[in-house]
PDB file of N, CA and C in Angstrom:
ATOM      1  N   MET A   1      88.171  81.677  84.171  1.00  0.00           N
ATOM      2  CA  MET A   1      88.869  82.401  83.123  1.00  0.00           C
ATOM      3  C   MET A   1      88.311  83.824  82.990  1.00  0.00           C
ATOM      4  N   ILE A   2      89.148  84.786  82.920  1.00  0.00           N
ATOM      5  CA  ILE A   2      88.746  86.168  82.783  1.00  0.00           C
ATOM      6  C   ILE A   2      88.178  86.442  81.405  1.00  0.00           C
ATOM      7  N   SER A   3      86.975  87.005  81.404  1.00  0.00           N
ATOM      8  CA  SER A   3      86.356  87.303  80.105  1.00  0.00           C
ATOM      9  C   SER A   3      86.044  88.783  79.974  1.00  0.00           C
ATOM     10  N   LYS A   4      86.152  89.562  81.065  1.00  0.00           N
ATOM     11  CA  LYS A   4      85.862  90.986  81.039  1.00  0.00           C
ATOM     12  C   LYS A   4      86.674  91.733  82.079  1.00  0.00           C
ATOM     13  N   VAL A   5      87.144  92.918  81.732  1.00  0.00           N
ATOM     14  CA  VAL A   5      87.896  93.761  82.618  1.00  0.00           C
ATOM     15  C   VAL A   5      87.194  95.072  82.725  1.00  0.00           C
ATOM     16  N   GLU A   6      87.036  95.540  83.939  1.00  0.00           N
ATOM     17  CA  GLU A   6      86.463  96.878  84.203  1.00  0.00           C
ATOM     18  C   GLU A   6      87.407  97.701  85.058  1.00  0.00           C
ATOM     19  N   VAL A   7      87.447  99.003  84.883  1.00  0.00           N
ATOM     20  CA  VAL A   7      88.246  99.907  85.684  1.00  0.00           C
ATOM     21  C   VAL A   7      87.314 100.943  86.261  1.00  0.00           C
ATOM     22  N   GLU A   8      87.341 101.071  87.603  1.00  0.00           N
ATOM     23  CA  GLU A   8      86.519 102.108  88.288  1.00  0.00           C
ATOM     24  C   GLU A   8      87.357 103.415  88.274  1.00  0.00           C
ATOM     25  N   GLU A   9      86.936 104.306  87.376  1.00  0.00           N
ATOM     26  CA  GLU A   9      87.675 105.547  87.141  1.00  0.00           C
ATOM     27  C   GLU A   9      87.855 106.369  88.400  1.00  0.00           C
ATOM     28  N   ALA A  10      86.855 106.439  89.265  1.00  0.00           N
ATOM     29  CA  ALA A  10      86.917 107.255  90.491  1.00  0.00           C
ATOM     30  C   ALA A  10      87.991 106.703  91.446  1.00  0.00           C
ATOM     31  N   ALA A  11      88.171 105.402  91.404  1.00  0.00           N
ATOM     32  CA  ALA A  11      89.171 104.792  92.328  1.00  0.00           C
ATOM     33  C   ALA A  11      90.571 104.780  91.790  1.00  0.00           C
ATOM     34  N   CYS A  12      90.722 104.928  90.460  1.00  0.00           N
ATOM     35  CA  CYS A  12      92.033 104.871  89.829  1.00  0.00           C
ATOM     36  C   CYS A  12      92.853 106.095  90.157  1.00  0.00           C
ATOM     37  N   ILE A  13      94.109 105.877  90.557  1.00  0.00           N
ATOM     38  CA  ILE A  13      95.011 106.980  90.910  1.00  0.00           C
ATOM     39  C   ILE A  13      96.038 107.195  89.761  1.00  0.00           C
ATOM     40  N   GLY A  14      95.927 106.431  88.695  1.00  0.00           N
ATOM     41  CA  GLY A  14      96.820 106.629  87.543  1.00  0.00           C
ATOM     42  C   GLY A  14      98.265 106.216  87.781  1.00  0.00           C
ATOM     43  N   CYS A  15      98.515 105.237  88.634  1.00  0.00           N
ATOM     44  CA  CYS A  15      99.885 104.806  88.960  1.00  0.00           C
ATOM     45  C   CYS A  15     100.560 104.182  87.724  1.00  0.00           C
ATOM     46  N   GLY A  16      99.817 103.575  86.820  1.00  0.00           N
ATOM     47  CA  GLY A  16     100.377 102.989  85.615  1.00  0.00           C
ATOM     48  C   GLY A  16     100.724 101.545  85.700  1.00  0.00           C
ATOM     49  N   THR A  17     100.562 100.924  86.828  1.00  0.00           N
ATOM     50  CA  THR A  17     100.891  99.492  87.018  1.00  0.00           C
ATOM     51  C   THR A  17     100.188  98.608  86.029  1.00  0.00           C
ATOM     52  N   CYS A  18      98.867  98.879  85.787  1.00  0.00           N
ATOM     53  CA  CYS A  18      98.137  98.071  84.919  1.00  0.00           C
ATOM     54  C   CYS A  18      98.544  98.173  83.460  1.00  0.00           C
ATOM     55  N   TRP A  19      98.682  99.360  82.921  1.00  0.00           N
ATOM     56  CA  TRP A  19      99.021  99.498  81.559  1.00  0.00           C
ATOM     57  C   TRP A  19     100.452  99.064  81.236  1.00  0.00           C
ATOM     58  N   VAL A  20     101.311  99.076  82.212  1.00  0.00           N
ATOM     59  CA  VAL A  20     102.652  98.528  82.061  1.00  0.00           C
ATOM     60  C   VAL A  20     102.632  97.028  82.091  1.00  0.00           C
ATOM     61  N   ALA A  21     101.806  96.465  83.022  1.00  0.00           N
ATOM     62  CA  ALA A  21     101.788  94.975  83.206  1.00  0.00           C
ATOM     63  C   ALA A  21     101.026  94.319  82.043  1.00  0.00           C
ATOM     64  N   CYS A  22     100.014  94.970  81.527  1.00  0.00           N
ATOM     65  CA  CYS A  22      99.211  94.324  80.470  1.00  0.00           C
ATOM     66  C   CYS A  22      98.630  95.365  79.496  1.00  0.00           C
ATOM     67  N   PRO A  23      99.458  95.862  78.572  1.00  0.00           N
ATOM     68  CA  PRO A  23      99.004  96.946  77.676  1.00  0.00           C
ATOM     69  C   PRO A  23      97.931  96.449  76.742  1.00  0.00           C
ATOM     70  N   GLN A  24      97.721  95.189  76.539  1.00  0.00           N
ATOM     71  CA  GLN A  24      96.631  94.703  75.663  1.00  0.00           C
ATOM     72  C   GLN A  24      95.295  94.981  76.315  1.00  0.00           C
ATOM     73  N   ALA A  25      95.177  94.946  77.597  1.00  0.00           N
ATOM     74  CA  ALA A  25      93.904  95.128  78.301  1.00  0.00           C
ATOM     75  C   ALA A  25      93.736  96.502  78.879  1.00  0.00           C
ATOM     76  N   PHE A  26      94.812  97.284  79.096  1.00  0.00           N
ATOM     77  CA  PHE A  26      94.678  98.546  79.736  1.00  0.00           C
ATOM     78  C   PHE A  26      95.493  99.609  79.033  1.00  0.00           C
ATOM     79  N   SER A  27      95.026 100.811  79.042  1.00  0.00           N
ATOM     80  CA  SER A  27      95.795 101.917  78.492  1.00  0.00           C
ATOM     81  C   SER A  27      95.554 103.129  79.393  1.00  0.00           C
ATOM     82  N   GLU A  28      96.423 104.175  79.196  1.00  0.00           N
ATOM     83  CA  GLU A  28      96.271 105.353  79.973  1.00  0.00           C
ATOM     84  C   GLU A  28      95.366 106.338  79.275  1.00  0.00           C
ATOM     85  N   HIS A  29      94.602 107.064  79.988  1.00  0.00           N
ATOM     86  CA  HIS A  29      93.683 108.075  79.451  1.00  0.00           C
ATOM     87  C   HIS A  29      93.983 109.361  80.063  1.00  0.00           C
ATOM     88  N   ASP A  30      94.273 110.406  79.284  1.00  0.00           N
ATOM     89  CA  ASP A  30      94.577 111.703  79.737  1.00  0.00           C
ATOM     90  C   ASP A  30      93.324 112.435  80.209  1.00  0.00           C
ATOM     91  N   MET A  31      93.257 112.736  81.467  1.00  0.00           N
ATOM     92  CA  MET A  31      92.068 113.456  82.011  1.00  0.00           C
ATOM     93  C   MET A  31      92.413 114.874  82.364  1.00  0.00           C
ATOM     94  N   GLY A  32      93.201 115.527  81.533  1.00  0.00           N
ATOM     95  CA  GLY A  32      93.656 116.912  81.830  1.00  0.00           C
ATOM     96  C   GLY A  32      94.900 116.876  82.677  1.00  0.00           C
ATOM     97  N   ASP A  33      94.741 117.075  83.937  1.00  0.00           N
ATOM     98  CA  ASP A  33      95.912 117.068  84.828  1.00  0.00           C
ATOM     99  C   ASP A  33      96.271 115.659  85.307  1.00  0.00           C
ATOM    100  N   ASP A  34      95.396 114.715  85.081  1.00  0.00           N
ATOM    101  CA  ASP A  34      95.643 113.352  85.576  1.00  0.00           C
ATOM    102  C   ASP A  34      95.608 112.306  84.472  1.00  0.00           C
ATOM    103  N   LEU A  35      96.263 111.206  84.712  1.00  0.00           N
ATOM    104  CA  LEU A  35      96.141 110.038  83.826  1.00  0.00           C
ATOM    105  C   LEU A  35      95.336 109.040  84.616  1.00  0.00           C
ATOM    106  N   LYS A  36      94.448 108.404  83.969  1.00  0.00           N
ATOM    107  CA  LYS A  36      93.639 107.291  84.546  1.00  0.00           C
ATOM    108  C   LYS A  36      93.748 106.067  83.641  1.00  0.00           C
ATOM    109  N   ALA A  37      93.538 104.891  84.202  1.00  0.00           N
ATOM    110  CA  ALA A  37      93.533 103.711  83.439  1.00  0.00           C
ATOM    111  C   ALA A  37      92.154 103.495  82.845  1.00  0.00           C
ATOM    112  N   VAL A  38      92.105 102.937  81.652  1.00  0.00           N
ATOM    113  CA  VAL A  38      90.928 102.491  81.024  1.00  0.00           C
ATOM    114  C   VAL A  38      91.053 101.085  80.469  1.00  0.00           C
ATOM    115  N   ALA A  39      90.030 100.307  80.442  1.00  0.00           N
ATOM    116  CA  ALA A  39      90.093  98.991  79.793  1.00  0.00           C
ATOM    117  C   ALA A  39      90.020  99.240  78.266  1.00  0.00           C
ATOM    118  N   THR A  40      90.843  98.543  77.566  1.00  0.00           N
ATOM    119  CA  THR A  40      90.868  98.711  76.119  1.00  0.00           C
ATOM    120  C   THR A  40      89.788  97.975  75.418  1.00  0.00           C
ATOM    121  N   GLY A  41      89.058  97.048  76.133  1.00  0.00           N
ATOM    122  CA  GLY A  41      88.076  96.244  75.495  1.00  0.00           C
ATOM    123  C   GLY A  41      88.608  94.902  74.986  1.00  0.00           C
ATOM    124  N   ALA A  42      89.959  94.818  74.897  1.00  0.00           N
ATOM    125  CA  ALA A  42      90.598  93.597  74.499  1.00  0.00           C
ATOM    126  C   ALA A  42      91.037  92.864  75.756  1.00  0.00           C
ATOM    127  N   LEU A  43      91.350  91.573  75.641  1.00  0.00           N
ATOM    128  CA  LEU A  43      91.877  90.856  76.730  1.00  0.00           C
ATOM    129  C   LEU A  43      93.331  90.472  76.425  1.00  0.00           C
ATOM    130  N   GLY A  44      94.131  90.495  77.529  1.00  0.00           N
ATOM    131  CA  GLY A  44      95.503  90.122  77.393  1.00  0.00           C
ATOM    132  C   GLY A  44      95.672  88.712  77.976  1.00  0.00           C
ATOM    133  N   ASP A  45      96.937  88.411  78.219  1.00  0.00           N
ATOM    134  CA  ASP A  45      97.283  87.113  78.883  1.00  0.00           C
ATOM    135  C   ASP A  45      96.646  87.110  80.227  1.00  0.00           C
ATOM    136  N   GLN A  46      96.018  85.978  80.590  1.00  0.00           N
ATOM    137  CA  GLN A  46      95.278  85.799  81.872  1.00  0.00           C
ATOM    138  C   GLN A  46      96.181  86.163  83.046  1.00  0.00           C
ATOM    139  N   HIS A  47      97.418  85.687  83.055  1.00  0.00           N
ATOM    140  CA  HIS A  47      98.340  85.929  84.140  1.00  0.00           C
ATOM    141  C   HIS A  47      98.612  87.421  84.272  1.00  0.00           C
ATOM    142  N   PHE A  48      98.884  88.108  83.168  1.00  0.00           N
ATOM    143  CA  PHE A  48      99.228  89.483  83.150  1.00  0.00           C
ATOM    144  C   PHE A  48      97.993  90.346  83.577  1.00  0.00           C
ATOM    145  N   MET A  49      96.800  90.012  83.184  1.00  0.00           N
ATOM    146  CA  MET A  49      95.658  90.689  83.644  1.00  0.00           C
ATOM    147  C   MET A  49      95.441  90.551  85.133  1.00  0.00           C
ATOM    148  N   ARG A  50      95.664  89.357  85.659  1.00  0.00           N
ATOM    149  CA  ARG A  50      95.533  89.152  87.089  1.00  0.00           C
ATOM    150  C   ARG A  50      96.616  89.926  87.849  1.00  0.00           C
ATOM    151  N   SER A  51      97.810  89.897  87.313  1.00  0.00           N
ATOM    152  CA  SER A  51      98.922  90.641  87.954  1.00  0.00           C
ATOM    153  C   SER A  51      98.627  92.146  88.032  1.00  0.00           C
ATOM    154  N   ALA A  52      98.072  92.632  86.943  1.00  0.00           N
ATOM    155  CA  ALA A  52      97.721  94.023  86.870  1.00  0.00           C
ATOM    156  C   ALA A  52      96.656  94.428  87.895  1.00  0.00           C
ATOM    157  N   ALA A  53      95.637  93.553  88.035  1.00  0.00           N
ATOM    158  CA  ALA A  53      94.583  93.864  88.951  1.00  0.00           C
ATOM    159  C   ALA A  53      95.051  93.721  90.441  1.00  0.00           C
ATOM    160  N   GLU A  54      95.824  92.658  90.694  1.00  0.00           N
ATOM    161  CA  GLU A  54      96.379  92.471  92.061  1.00  0.00           C
ATOM    162  C   GLU A  54      97.398  93.517  92.486  1.00  0.00           C
ATOM    163  N   GLY A  55      98.023  94.123  91.421  1.00  0.00           N
ATOM    164  CA  GLY A  55      99.024  95.174  91.721  1.00  0.00           C
ATOM    165  C   GLY A  55      98.404  96.542  91.831  1.00  0.00           C
ATOM    166  N   CYS A  56      97.115  96.687  91.549  1.00  0.00           N
ATOM    167  CA  CYS A  56      96.477  98.040  91.634  1.00  0.00           C
ATOM    168  C   CYS A  56      96.349  98.375  93.154  1.00  0.00           C
ATOM    169  N   PRO A  57      96.935  99.522  93.568  1.00  0.00           N
ATOM    170  CA  PRO A  57      96.868  99.902  94.961  1.00  0.00           C
ATOM    171  C   PRO A  57      95.508 100.274  95.492  1.00  0.00           C
ATOM    172  N   THR A  58      94.607 100.606  94.638  1.00  0.00           N
ATOM    173  CA  THR A  58      93.296 100.924  95.111  1.00  0.00           C
ATOM    174  C   THR A  58      92.174  99.951  94.682  1.00  0.00           C
ATOM    175  N   LEU A  59      92.565  98.846  94.113  1.00  0.00           N
ATOM    176  CA  LEU A  59      91.636  97.749  93.712  1.00  0.00           C
ATOM    177  C   LEU A  59      90.603  98.337  92.717  1.00  0.00           C
ATOM    178  N   ALA A  60      91.027  99.173  91.842  1.00  0.00           N
ATOM    179  CA  ALA A  60      90.142  99.849  90.876  1.00  0.00           C
ATOM    180  C   ALA A  60      89.840  98.877  89.792  1.00  0.00           C
ATOM    181  N   ILE A  61      90.488  97.787  89.593  1.00  0.00           N
ATOM    182  CA  ILE A  61      90.326  96.864  88.471  1.00  0.00           C
ATOM    183  C   ILE A  61      89.498  95.662  88.952  1.00  0.00           C
ATOM    184  N   SER A  62      88.437  95.374  88.175  1.00  0.00           N
ATOM    185  CA  SER A  62      87.650  94.207  88.429  1.00  0.00           C
ATOM    186  C   SER A  62      87.835  93.172  87.281  1.00  0.00           C
ATOM    187  N   LEU A  63      87.998  91.983  87.630  1.00  0.00           N
ATOM    188  CA  LEU A  63      88.162  90.868  86.673  1.00  0.00           C
ATOM    189  C   LEU A  63      86.906  90.017  86.755  1.00  0.00           C
ATOM    190  N   ILE A  64      86.242  89.791  85.640  1.00  0.00           N
ATOM    191  CA  ILE A  64      84.929  89.076  85.623  1.00  0.00           C
ATOM    192  C   ILE A  64      85.037  87.931  84.698  1.00  0.00           C
ATOM    193  N   ASP A  65      84.410  86.755  85.142  1.00  0.00           N
ATOM    194  CA  ASP A  65      84.460  85.593  84.299  1.00  0.00           C
ATOM    195  C   ASP A  65      83.239  85.574  83.326  1.00  0.00           C
ATOM    196  N   GLU A  66      83.210  84.531  82.512  1.00  0.00           N
ATOM    197  CA  GLU A  66      82.159  84.444  81.459  1.00  0.00           C
ATOM    198  C   GLU A  66      80.761  84.358  82.033  1.00  0.00           C
ATOM    199  N   ASN A  67      80.646  83.963  83.335  1.00  0.00           N
ATOM    200  CA  ASN A  67      79.256  83.905  83.942  1.00  0.00           C
ATOM    201  C   ASN A  67      78.943  85.167  84.674  1.00  0.00           C
ATOM    202  N   GLY A  68      79.786  86.186  84.632  1.00  0.00           N
ATOM    203  CA  GLY A  68      79.510  87.418  85.348  1.00  0.00           C
ATOM    204  C   GLY A  68      79.940  87.477  86.780  1.00  0.00           C
ATOM    205  N   VAL A  69      80.699  86.401  87.209  1.00  0.00           N
ATOM    206  CA  VAL A  69      81.174  86.302  88.531  1.00  0.00           C
ATOM    207  C   VAL A  69      82.479  87.133  88.648  1.00  0.00           C
ATOM    208  N   MET A  70      82.524  87.906  89.735  1.00  0.00           N
ATOM    209  CA  MET A  70      83.706  88.723  89.970  1.00  0.00           C
ATOM    210  C   MET A  70      84.809  87.821  90.539  1.00  0.00           C
ATOM    211  N   LEU A  71      85.937  87.761  89.774  1.00  0.00           N
ATOM    212  CA  LEU A  71      87.070  86.968  90.223  1.00  0.00           C
ATOM    213  C   LEU A  71      88.028  87.745  91.076  1.00  0.00           C
ATOM    214  N   PHE A  72      88.108  89.040  90.899  1.00  0.00           N
ATOM    215  CA  PHE A  72      88.947  89.911  91.625  1.00  0.00           C
ATOM    216  C   PHE A  72      88.385  91.321  91.472  1.00  0.00           C
ATOM    217  N   PRO A  73      88.425  92.105  92.566  1.00  0.00           N
ATOM    218  CA  PRO A  73      89.029  91.822  93.821  1.00  0.00           C
ATOM    219  C   PRO A  73      88.148  90.962  94.680  1.00  0.00           C
ATOM    220  N   THR A  74      88.721  90.113  95.457  1.00  0.00           N
ATOM    221  CA  THR A  74      88.010  89.255  96.367  1.00  0.00           C
ATOM    222  C   THR A  74      87.605  90.046  97.595  1.00  0.00           C
ATOM    223  N   GLU A  75      86.729  89.503  98.383  1.00  0.00           N
ATOM    224  CA  GLU A  75      86.337  90.196  99.645  1.00  0.00           C
ATOM    225  C   GLU A  75      87.571  90.235 100.566  1.00  0.00           C
ATOM    226  N   GLU A  76      88.402  89.291 100.506  1.00  0.00           N
ATOM    227  CA  GLU A  76      89.627  89.259 101.339  1.00  0.00           C
ATOM    228  C   GLU A  76      90.544  90.451 100.955  1.00  0.00           C
ATOM    229  N   ALA A  77      90.649  90.688  99.638  1.00  0.00           N
ATOM    230  CA  ALA A  77      91.464  91.816  99.152  1.00  0.00           C
ATOM    231  C   ALA A  77      90.877  93.127  99.546  1.00  0.00           C
ATOM    232  N   ARG A  78      89.573  93.235  99.477  1.00  0.00           N
ATOM    233  CA  ARG A  78      88.896  94.470  99.896  1.00  0.00           C
ATOM    234  C   ARG A  78      89.086  94.700 101.399  1.00  0.00           C
ATOM    235  N   ALA A  79      88.936  93.671 102.195  1.00  0.00           N
ATOM    236  CA  ALA A  79      89.124  93.779 103.688  1.00  0.00           C
ATOM    237  C   ALA A  79      90.568  94.184 103.945  1.00  0.00           C
ATOM    238  N   ALA A  80      91.531  93.654 103.266  1.00  0.00           N
ATOM    239  CA  ALA A  80      92.938  94.005 103.503  1.00  0.00           C
ATOM    240  C   ALA A  80      93.156  95.444 103.169  1.00  0.00           C
ATOM    241  N   LEU A  81      92.579  95.959 102.081  1.00  0.00           N
ATOM    242  CA  LEU A  81      92.700  97.427 101.714  1.00  0.00           C
ATOM    243  C   LEU A  81      92.059  98.230 102.780  1.00  0.00           C
ATOM    244  N   ARG A  82      90.849  97.856 103.251  1.00  0.00           N
ATOM    245  CA  ARG A  82      90.204  98.617 104.285  1.00  0.00           C
ATOM    246  C   ARG A  82      91.052  98.696 105.568  1.00  0.00           C
ATOM    247  N   ALA A  83      91.624  97.600 105.888  1.00  0.00           N
ATOM    248  CA  ALA A  83      92.468  97.491 107.076  1.00  0.00           C
ATOM    249  C   ALA A  83      93.679  98.424 106.990  1.00  0.00           C
ATOM    250  N   THR A  84      94.234  98.650 105.897  1.00  0.00           N
ATOM    251  CA  THR A  84      95.415  99.526 105.748  1.00  0.00           C
ATOM    252  C   THR A  84      94.978 101.004 105.667  1.00  0.00           C
ATOM    253  N   THR A  85      93.732 101.320 105.374  1.00  0.00           N
ATOM    254  CA  THR A  85      93.265 102.645 105.331  1.00  0.00           C
ATOM    255  C   THR A  85      92.434 103.146 106.511  1.00  0.00           C
ATOM    256  N   ASP A  86      92.159 102.222 107.464  1.00  0.00           N
ATOM    257  CA  ASP A  86      91.429 102.570 108.647  1.00  0.00           C
ATOM    258  C   ASP A  86      92.376 103.330 109.571  1.00  0.00           C
ATOM    259  N   TRP A  87      91.900 104.472 110.068  1.00  0.00           N
ATOM    260  CA  TRP A  87      92.666 105.317 110.975  1.00  0.00           C
ATOM    261  C   TRP A  87      92.284 104.994 112.365  1.00  0.00           C
TER     262      TRP A  87
END
């Protein structure tokens, strides 16, 4: 069960997928010329939070359970992203 959501600001490209998929857990933050996602501190529906994280093109969203275990991104998801960005 997801108990904490984190967004890595440096990895976020501001595509908006997360705050559209789960506005309870994510919102947009105006960084001047850019929008970035931020965690609101609240939790949304478990399914919607997972969809938002899995839909993030840069894997900037981390989902953490009540024991501090990272539920997403998985190592498989990270490997898949690396494979698509290796030249």
